[in-house]
Amino acid sequence: YFGLPNDDGAVVEGVVRGSPADEAGMRRYDIVMEIGGAAVASDDAFRKAVEKLKIGQKVTLVVRRGEQTGRAELTLGEAP
């Protein structure tokens, strides 16, 4: 994706204003590399990992934006 060194991770296609992802500072085209300490290899792997979590559960994501990598902590909410 976007000329990055590998294709691991899940690309954020959009962030809903006021959502937990928005409040955590996530942006469109961020790449989620880990969720809750588990590596994310693809969009499908990310969806499966999220399905195992509960609404209200706190989770830490490792996110790559461009060439920088950081952490985002958020509390899961209902999907819009």
Protein backbone atom coordinates (compact mmCIF):
# COMPACT_ATOMS: atom_id res chain seq x y z
CA TYR A 1 0.00 0.00 0.00
CA PHE A 2 1.09 3.55 -0.78
CA GLY A 3 4.69 2.58 -1.55
CA LEU A 4 5.30 1.17 1.93
CA PRO A 5 7.83 -1.61 2.49
CA ASN A 6 5.27 -4.42 2.91
CA ASP A 7 1.57 -5.13 2.66
CA ASP A 8 0.96 -6.30 6.24
CA GLY A 9 -1.78 -4.61 8.20
CA ALA A 10 -5.30 -3.33 7.65
CA VAL A 11 -5.87 -0.02 5.88
CA VAL A 12 -8.32 2.35 7.57
CA GLU A 13 -10.77 3.28 4.84
CA GLY A 14 -12.55 5.96 6.84
CA VAL A 15 -13.12 7.30 10.34
CA VAL A 16 -16.54 8.40 11.58
CA ARG A 17 -16.46 11.76 13.36
CA GLY A 18 -16.99 11.29 17.10
CA SER A 19 -16.27 7.54 16.96
CA PRO A 20 -13.75 5.85 19.27
CA ALA A 21 -11.30 5.71 16.33
CA ASP A 22 -11.72 9.47 15.77
CA GLU A 23 -11.23 10.20 19.46
CA ALA A 24 -8.06 8.05 19.42
CA GLY A 25 -6.66 10.14 16.55
CA MET A 26 -7.01 7.56 13.79
CA ARG A 27 -7.09 8.85 10.20
CA ARG A 28 -8.08 7.53 6.81
CA TYR A 29 -5.25 5.47 5.27
CA ASP A 30 -3.61 4.68 8.63
CA ILE A 31 -2.48 1.05 8.66
CA VAL A 32 -3.33 -1.05 11.72
CA MET A 33 -0.38 -3.38 12.34
CA GLU A 34 -1.48 -4.88 15.69
CA ILE A 35 -4.63 -5.08 17.77
CA GLY A 36 -4.43 -6.08 21.41
CA GLY A 37 -0.86 -7.29 20.95
CA ALA A 38 -1.70 -9.59 18.01
CA ALA A 39 -0.21 -8.90 14.58
CA VAL A 40 -2.67 -7.94 11.83
CA ALA A 41 -1.73 -9.42 8.45
CA SER A 42 -4.70 -8.17 6.40
CA ASP A 43 -8.04 -6.37 6.43
CA ASP A 44 -9.76 -9.72 6.90
CA ALA A 45 -7.53 -10.62 9.88
CA PHE A 46 -8.38 -7.25 11.45
CA ARG A 47 -12.13 -7.82 11.05
CA LYS A 48 -11.86 -11.28 12.60
CA ALA A 49 -9.87 -9.91 15.55
CA VAL A 50 -12.42 -7.15 16.18
CA GLU A 51 -15.30 -9.65 16.05
CA LYS A 52 -13.77 -11.46 19.04
CA LEU A 53 -13.79 -8.28 21.17
CA LYS A 54 -16.68 -6.87 23.19
CA ILE A 55 -18.27 -3.43 23.05
CA GLY A 56 -16.84 -1.34 25.87
CA GLN A 57 -13.56 -3.27 25.82
CA LYS A 58 -10.37 -1.19 25.77
CA VAL A 59 -7.82 -2.13 23.14
CA THR A 60 -4.44 -0.85 22.01
CA LEU A 61 -3.65 -0.64 18.31
CA VAL A 62 -0.23 -0.27 16.72
CA VAL A 63 -0.74 2.03 13.76
CA ARG A 64 1.54 3.10 10.93
CA ARG A 65 0.98 6.48 9.30
CA GLY A 66 3.42 7.10 6.49
CA GLU A 67 6.81 6.13 7.87
CA GLN A 68 5.87 6.64 11.52
CA THR A 69 4.47 4.01 13.86
CA GLY A 70 2.53 4.78 17.02
CA ARG A 71 -0.07 3.44 19.42
CA ALA A 72 -3.74 4.30 19.68
CA GLU A 73 -5.82 3.30 22.68
CA LEU A 74 -9.56 3.19 22.32
CA THR A 75 -12.72 1.74 23.80
CA LEU A 76 -14.79 -0.26 21.32
CA GLY A 77 -18.25 1.06 20.49
CA GLU A 78 -21.19 0.05 18.31
CA ALA A 79 -20.56 0.12 14.57
CA PRO A 80 -22.43 2.99 12.89
